[in-house]
């Protein structure tokens, strides 16, 4: 008997991507899809690409609608998941794709989000290395409440954490410049996300230390062993529907060789199925990860600047969101971690 799944916020990009992945999962069955303004419509009219789920209609998002399923995925705006999740039974596996349960610090929540803080859940980034030894997947086994990371956070964390744990980069002088597809901002109508505003242009946003993903990144780097890390984080919207290319730099610890730097990343991800360090001198494109649950990265040492440079490419809707949810729920349920998740991307 497959596990039954309900997806709340199914009409959005993240909800649609979760549905796409779940529809191919051999151990799961999507039985309910909910929405707000689209409630009452056929799912296939909102997501015409989801042909295998054509029998589903979108229904209202309520706790009673979601209850009775083995798994509930909340693909809702920040601030909307906390109260709803609190009404669901403790034995239901709930995954929140929003920010409501990611931060362990109430002060950080108040500063970057505001509103009621609902506390932190098990954090759904299995490959996050912990200081000394271990990985975040150990905290996901048997979990019944999982907070899925932010998409930008995933790219930056996976790119910097190995250097932090190995002690080859200094955590107090980190930079991150990200080219980001607008699907990460959701499906709602916003002027800055219109094609006429995006095409032929690149637009920075949340500049100067105000982006909401910053405290989550710093929280993760602390888990990897950083003491008082700081990061200058600048995202830029670019005219591609999906994808993130993160260019990360960090000051090299004096006396560290280029070989030791490369070893830190290669060793960290050598046994990982979805995180791949490219051969020396190679760097990924966002197209390389399109549609796949992969994080691809290249690592270099800029000897003249005494900095390490890491370039990471992910699909923000797969590894950055829906794929992370499915990967985490697989671990929580004791299933093969890779079930239902694409390793290969699509091209061109």
Protein backbone atom coordinates (compact mmCIF):
# COMPACT_ATOMS: atom_id res chain seq x y z
CA UNK A 1 0.00 0.00 0.00
CA UNK A 2 1.62 3.31 -1.03
CA UNK A 3 1.89 6.23 1.37
CA UNK A 4 -0.87 8.78 0.78
CA UNK A 5 0.18 12.39 0.13
CA UNK A 6 -1.55 15.76 0.19
CA UNK A 7 0.10 18.86 -1.29
CA UNK A 8 -1.06 22.27 -0.04
CA UNK A 9 -0.38 25.22 -2.30
CA UNK A 10 -0.37 22.92 -5.30
CA UNK A 11 -1.12 25.65 -7.85
CA UNK A 12 2.26 27.38 -7.43
CA UNK A 13 5.60 26.56 -9.02
CA UNK A 14 6.97 24.75 -5.96
CA UNK A 15 3.74 22.85 -5.43
CA UNK A 16 3.63 21.87 -9.08
CA UNK A 17 7.20 20.63 -8.99
CA UNK A 18 6.51 18.55 -5.89
CA UNK A 19 3.56 17.00 -7.67
CA UNK A 20 5.69 16.23 -10.73
CA UNK A 21 8.26 14.37 -8.64
CA UNK A 22 5.71 12.60 -6.46
CA UNK A 23 3.78 11.36 -9.48
CA UNK A 24 6.78 9.21 -10.46
CA UNK A 25 7.56 7.97 -6.94
CA UNK A 26 6.93 4.21 -6.64
CA UNK A 27 6.03 4.31 -2.93
CA UNK A 28 3.80 7.40 -2.83
CA UNK A 29 0.35 8.28 -4.11
CA UNK A 30 -0.89 11.87 -4.38
CA UNK A 31 -4.51 11.85 -3.28
CA UNK A 32 -5.19 15.52 -2.53
CA UNK A 33 -4.02 18.83 -3.97
CA UNK A 34 -5.15 22.10 -2.39
CA UNK A 35 -5.05 25.74 -3.40
CA UNK A 36 -6.47 29.12 -2.48
CA UNK A 37 -7.66 31.21 -5.43
CA UNK A 38 -7.56 28.19 -7.77
CA UNK A 39 -9.67 25.95 -5.53
CA UNK A 40 -12.46 24.32 -7.51
CA UNK A 41 -10.44 24.07 -10.71
CA UNK A 42 -9.03 20.94 -12.25
CA UNK A 43 -5.34 20.52 -11.44
CA UNK A 44 -4.54 19.91 -15.09
CA UNK A 45 -6.02 23.30 -16.03
CA UNK A 46 -3.54 24.99 -13.71
CA UNK A 47 -0.60 22.65 -14.45
CA UNK A 48 -1.18 21.33 -17.99
CA UNK A 49 2.14 19.46 -17.91
CA UNK A 50 0.99 17.15 -15.11
CA UNK A 51 -0.92 14.72 -17.32
CA UNK A 52 -0.60 11.78 -14.93
CA UNK A 53 -2.54 13.71 -12.27
CA UNK A 54 -5.40 14.79 -14.54
CA UNK A 55 -7.99 13.17 -12.28
CA UNK A 56 -7.29 15.56 -9.39
CA UNK A 57 -9.26 18.69 -8.61
CA UNK A 58 -7.86 21.50 -6.48
CA UNK A 59 -9.69 21.85 -3.16
CA UNK A 60 -9.60 24.39 -0.34
CA UNK A 61 -6.57 24.38 1.97
CA UNK A 62 -7.78 23.42 5.43
CA UNK A 63 -6.45 21.22 8.20
CA UNK A 64 -9.40 18.87 7.79
CA UNK A 65 -8.68 18.49 4.06
CA UNK A 66 -5.04 17.64 4.76
CA UNK A 67 -5.65 15.35 7.71
CA UNK A 68 -5.94 11.64 7.04
CA UNK A 69 -2.88 11.48 4.80
CA UNK A 70 0.44 9.87 5.68
CA UNK A 71 2.41 12.80 4.26
CA UNK A 72 1.53 16.49 3.90
CA UNK A 73 3.68 18.88 1.86
CA UNK A 74 3.09 22.58 2.56
CA UNK A 75 4.05 24.72 -0.45
CA UNK A 76 2.72 27.94 1.05
CA UNK A 77 4.04 31.50 1.45
CA UNK A 78 6.04 32.23 4.59
CA UNK A 79 3.80 32.84 7.57
CA UNK A 80 1.07 30.52 6.28
CA UNK A 81 2.43 27.11 7.29
CA UNK A 82 2.95 27.41 11.02
CA UNK A 83 -0.63 27.64 12.25
CA UNK A 84 -1.86 25.08 9.71
CA UNK A 85 0.84 22.56 10.62
CA UNK A 86 -0.01 22.90 14.30
CA UNK A 87 -3.48 21.49 13.56
CA UNK A 88 -2.16 18.31 11.94
CA UNK A 89 -1.68 15.07 13.92
CA UNK A 90 1.79 14.37 15.30
CA UNK A 91 2.11 11.09 13.42
CA UNK A 92 1.71 12.74 10.00
CA UNK A 93 4.96 13.47 8.16
CA UNK A 94 4.78 17.20 7.36
CA UNK A 95 7.28 18.97 5.10
CA UNK A 96 7.26 22.76 4.95
CA UNK A 97 8.67 24.28 1.76
CA UNK A 98 8.31 27.76 3.25
CA UNK A 99 10.44 29.52 5.84
CA UNK A 100 8.24 29.11 8.90
CA UNK A 101 10.28 26.34 10.54
CA UNK A 102 13.83 26.80 9.20
CA UNK A 103 15.35 29.23 11.70
CA UNK A 104 16.45 28.18 15.16
CA UNK A 105 16.68 31.80 16.37
CA UNK A 106 13.50 33.70 17.15
CA UNK A 107 15.49 36.94 16.99
CA UNK A 108 16.55 36.16 13.41
CA UNK A 109 12.94 35.39 12.51
CA UNK A 110 11.78 38.71 13.98
CA UNK A 111 14.47 40.65 12.14
CA UNK A 112 14.16 39.09 8.68
CA UNK A 113 10.53 37.91 8.55
CA UNK A 114 8.39 39.16 11.43
CA UNK A 115 5.12 37.75 12.69
CA UNK A 116 4.67 34.69 14.86
CA UNK A 117 7.64 32.35 15.16
CA UNK A 118 6.68 28.67 15.12
CA UNK A 119 10.00 27.11 16.12
CA UNK A 120 12.50 25.04 14.14
CA UNK A 121 11.94 21.59 12.65
CA UNK A 122 14.42 18.99 11.48
CA UNK A 123 16.32 20.66 8.66
CA UNK A 124 15.98 19.02 5.26
CA UNK A 125 19.42 19.32 3.68
CA UNK A 126 20.79 15.75 3.95
CA UNK A 127 24.26 16.53 2.56
CA UNK A 128 25.03 19.37 4.99
CA UNK A 129 28.27 18.35 6.69
CA UNK A 130 28.50 18.78 10.45
CA UNK A 131 31.55 19.97 12.33
CA UNK A 132 33.87 17.08 13.08
CA UNK A 133 31.80 14.34 11.46
CA UNK A 134 28.29 13.38 10.49
CA UNK A 135 25.73 14.91 8.17
CA UNK A 136 22.28 16.37 8.44
CA UNK A 137 20.62 13.21 7.07
CA UNK A 138 21.23 11.62 10.49
CA UNK A 139 18.71 14.08 11.97
CA UNK A 140 16.07 13.23 9.36
CA UNK A 141 15.67 9.51 10.00
CA UNK A 142 12.27 9.02 11.60
CA UNK A 143 11.46 12.75 11.64
CA UNK A 144 7.80 13.78 11.39
CA UNK A 145 8.33 17.51 10.87
CA UNK A 146 10.86 18.69 8.27
CA UNK A 147 11.76 22.22 7.16
CA UNK A 148 12.95 22.28 3.55
CA UNK A 149 15.78 24.80 2.96
CA UNK A 150 15.58 27.94 0.88
CA UNK A 151 16.81 27.44 -2.67
CA UNK A 152 19.57 30.06 -2.50
CA UNK A 153 20.57 28.65 0.86
CA UNK A 154 21.06 25.20 -0.61
CA UNK A 155 23.47 26.45 -3.27
CA UNK A 156 25.50 28.58 -0.87
CA UNK A 157 25.57 26.07 1.98
CA UNK A 158 26.65 23.13 -0.14
CA UNK A 159 29.30 25.28 -1.79
CA UNK A 160 30.92 26.62 1.39
CA UNK A 161 30.33 24.05 4.15
CA UNK A 162 33.13 21.61 3.15
CA UNK A 163 35.75 24.37 3.36
CA UNK A 164 34.42 25.45 6.74
CA UNK A 165 34.51 21.94 8.19
CA UNK A 166 37.99 21.23 6.81
CA UNK A 167 39.34 24.54 8.14
CA UNK A 168 40.75 25.67 4.78
CA UNK A 169 38.71 28.88 4.46
CA UNK A 170 38.08 31.72 6.88
CA UNK A 171 34.42 32.05 7.85
CA UNK A 172 34.50 35.78 8.54
CA UNK A 173 34.99 37.00 4.96
CA UNK A 174 32.57 35.12 2.71
CA UNK A 175 30.90 36.41 -0.44
CA UNK A 176 28.05 35.02 -2.53
CA UNK A 177 26.83 36.42 -5.84
CA UNK A 178 23.89 34.51 -7.29
CA UNK A 179 22.21 34.55 -10.68
CA UNK A 180 18.67 33.42 -9.95
CA UNK A 181 15.68 32.47 -12.12
CA UNK A 182 12.43 34.24 -11.16
CA UNK A 183 10.48 31.02 -10.50
CA UNK A 184 12.09 31.10 -7.06
CA UNK A 185 9.88 34.09 -6.24
CA UNK A 186 6.70 32.09 -6.82
CA UNK A 187 3.89 32.27 -9.33
CA UNK A 188 2.02 35.34 -8.12
CA UNK A 189 1.77 38.36 -10.43
CA UNK A 190 4.45 40.95 -9.61
CA UNK A 191 5.64 43.77 -11.83
CA UNK A 192 9.33 43.00 -11.40
CA UNK A 193 8.70 39.40 -12.52
CA UNK A 194 6.93 40.26 -15.77
CA UNK A 195 8.70 39.09 -18.91
CA UNK A 196 8.91 42.66 -20.21
CA UNK A 197 10.83 43.63 -17.05
CA UNK A 198 13.14 40.60 -17.04
CA UNK A 199 13.99 39.85 -20.65
CA UNK A 200 17.26 41.39 -21.74
CA UNK A 201 18.09 42.53 -18.23
CA UNK A 202 19.67 41.48 -14.93
CA UNK A 203 18.20 42.93 -11.74
CA UNK A 204 19.78 42.82 -8.28
CA UNK A 205 17.44 42.61 -5.31
CA UNK A 206 17.61 42.48 -1.51
CA UNK A 207 21.08 44.04 -1.62
CA UNK A 208 23.09 45.01 1.43
CA UNK A 209 22.50 42.23 3.94
CA UNK A 210 18.70 42.26 3.97
CA UNK A 211 17.88 39.05 2.08
CA UNK A 212 15.86 36.65 4.21
CA UNK A 213 18.08 33.68 3.39
CA UNK A 214 21.13 35.18 5.10
CA UNK A 215 20.41 33.98 8.67
CA UNK A 216 19.64 30.50 7.35
CA UNK A 217 22.97 30.36 5.52
CA UNK A 218 24.86 31.49 8.61
CA UNK A 219 22.96 28.97 10.73
CA UNK A 220 24.08 26.17 8.41
CA UNK A 221 27.70 27.30 8.30
CA UNK A 222 27.74 27.32 12.09
CA UNK A 223 26.57 23.69 12.00
CA UNK A 224 29.54 22.97 9.72
CA UNK A 225 31.88 24.48 12.31
CA UNK A 226 32.07 28.23 11.61
CA UNK A 227 32.41 30.56 14.57
CA UNK A 228 30.73 33.94 13.98
CA UNK A 229 30.54 33.59 10.17
CA UNK A 230 29.69 36.61 8.01
CA UNK A 231 28.64 36.70 4.39
CA UNK A 232 28.02 39.38 1.78
CA UNK A 233 25.09 37.97 -0.21
CA UNK A 234 23.87 39.51 -3.47
CA UNK A 235 21.19 37.81 -5.60
CA UNK A 236 20.45 38.93 -9.16
CA UNK A 237 17.35 38.02 -11.16
CA UNK A 238 18.27 36.90 -14.66
CA UNK A 239 16.06 35.95 -17.64
CA UNK A 240 15.93 32.18 -17.21
CA UNK A 241 12.80 30.59 -15.80
CA UNK A 242 14.61 28.33 -13.34
CA UNK A 243 18.09 27.74 -12.00
CA UNK A 244 20.69 29.24 -9.66
CA UNK A 245 24.35 29.86 -10.40
CA UNK A 246 26.14 30.79 -7.18
CA UNK A 247 29.66 32.21 -7.31
CA UNK A 248 31.12 31.96 -3.81
CA UNK A 249 34.46 33.19 -2.52
CA UNK A 250 36.26 32.88 0.80
CA UNK A 251 39.66 33.92 2.11
CA UNK A 252 42.12 31.05 2.08
CA UNK A 253 43.59 30.07 5.45
CA UNK A 254 47.29 31.02 5.24
CA UNK A 255 49.56 28.12 4.36
CA UNK A 256 46.79 26.00 2.83
CA UNK A 257 47.69 24.35 -0.45
CA UNK A 258 45.45 24.18 -3.51
CA UNK A 259 45.52 20.39 -3.20
CA UNK A 260 44.21 20.57 0.37
CA UNK A 261 41.41 22.87 -0.76
CA UNK A 262 40.30 20.52 -3.51
CA UNK A 263 40.53 17.52 -1.18
CA UNK A 264 38.16 19.22 1.27
CA UNK A 265 35.36 19.39 -1.29
CA UNK A 266 36.05 16.09 -3.03
CA UNK A 267 36.20 14.20 0.26
CA UNK A 268 33.02 15.86 1.54
CA UNK A 269 30.92 14.75 -1.42
CA UNK A 270 32.67 11.63 -2.70
CA UNK A 271 29.89 9.35 -1.49
CA UNK A 272 26.97 11.65 -2.26
CA UNK A 273 24.57 10.67 -5.04
CA UNK A 274 23.31 14.16 -5.87
CA UNK A 275 26.23 16.50 -5.10
CA UNK A 276 29.08 16.35 -7.60
CA UNK A 277 32.43 18.14 -7.60
CA UNK A 278 33.56 18.58 -11.19
CA UNK A 279 37.08 17.79 -12.40
CA UNK A 280 39.73 20.43 -11.77
CA UNK A 281 39.33 23.41 -14.08
CA UNK A 282 35.65 22.62 -14.86
CA UNK A 283 32.69 24.71 -13.74
CA UNK A 284 28.95 24.06 -14.13
CA UNK A 285 26.23 25.86 -16.04
CA UNK A 286 22.67 26.10 -14.76
CA UNK A 287 21.55 24.11 -17.81
CA UNK A 288 23.61 21.15 -16.55
CA UNK A 289 21.29 20.78 -13.54
CA UNK A 290 17.97 21.63 -15.22
CA UNK A 291 15.26 19.22 -14.08
CA UNK A 292 17.65 17.19 -11.91
CA UNK A 293 18.08 16.86 -8.16
CA UNK A 294 21.78 17.61 -8.48
CA UNK A 295 24.12 20.26 -7.12
CA UNK A 296 27.12 20.61 -9.42
CA UNK A 297 30.18 22.58 -8.40
CA UNK A 298 33.64 23.59 -9.48
CA UNK A 299 36.38 24.64 -7.05
CA UNK A 300 39.43 26.82 -7.70
CA UNK A 301 42.07 28.75 -5.77
CA UNK A 302 42.76 32.33 -6.81
CA UNK A 303 46.35 32.44 -5.57
CA UNK A 304 46.89 36.17 -6.23
CA UNK A 305 43.80 37.13 -4.25
CA UNK A 306 44.35 34.39 -1.63
CA UNK A 307 40.77 33.27 -2.07
CA UNK A 308 38.90 30.07 -2.78
CA UNK A 309 36.26 30.30 -5.52
CA UNK A 310 33.37 27.83 -5.71
CA UNK A 311 30.74 27.91 -8.45
CA UNK A 312 27.54 25.96 -7.76
CA UNK A 313 24.65 25.24 -10.13
CA UNK A 314 21.27 23.86 -9.05
CA UNK A 315 17.72 23.82 -10.32
CA UNK A 316 15.99 26.01 -7.76
CA UNK A 317 12.72 24.08 -8.07
CA UNK A 318 14.27 20.61 -7.80
CA UNK A 319 17.39 20.41 -5.60
CA UNK A 320 16.47 23.83 -4.25
CA UNK A 321 12.92 22.93 -3.22
CA UNK A 322 10.82 19.95 -4.34
CA UNK A 323 13.71 17.52 -4.75
CA UNK A 324 14.98 18.36 -1.28
CA UNK A 325 11.52 17.62 0.09
CA UNK A 326 11.28 14.22 -1.60
CA UNK A 327 14.85 13.32 -0.66
CA UNK A 328 14.17 14.23 2.97
CA UNK A 329 10.87 12.36 3.17
CA UNK A 330 12.56 9.27 1.71
CA UNK A 331 15.07 9.38 4.56
CA UNK A 332 12.39 10.04 7.18
CA UNK A 333 10.40 7.02 6.00
CA UNK A 334 13.42 4.73 5.76
CA UNK A 335 13.16 4.46 1.97
CA UNK A 336 15.99 4.56 -0.55
CA UNK A 337 17.04 8.22 -0.47
CA UNK A 338 17.11 8.46 -4.26
CA UNK A 339 13.59 7.14 -4.96
CA UNK A 340 11.57 9.32 -7.33
CA UNK A 341 14.41 11.75 -7.91
CA UNK A 342 16.04 12.46 -11.28
CA UNK A 343 19.83 12.36 -11.47
CA UNK A 344 19.86 13.29 -15.14
CA UNK A 345 18.80 16.71 -16.34
CA UNK A 346 17.19 17.74 -19.60
CA UNK A 347 18.88 19.33 -22.63
CA UNK A 348 18.96 21.51 -24.54
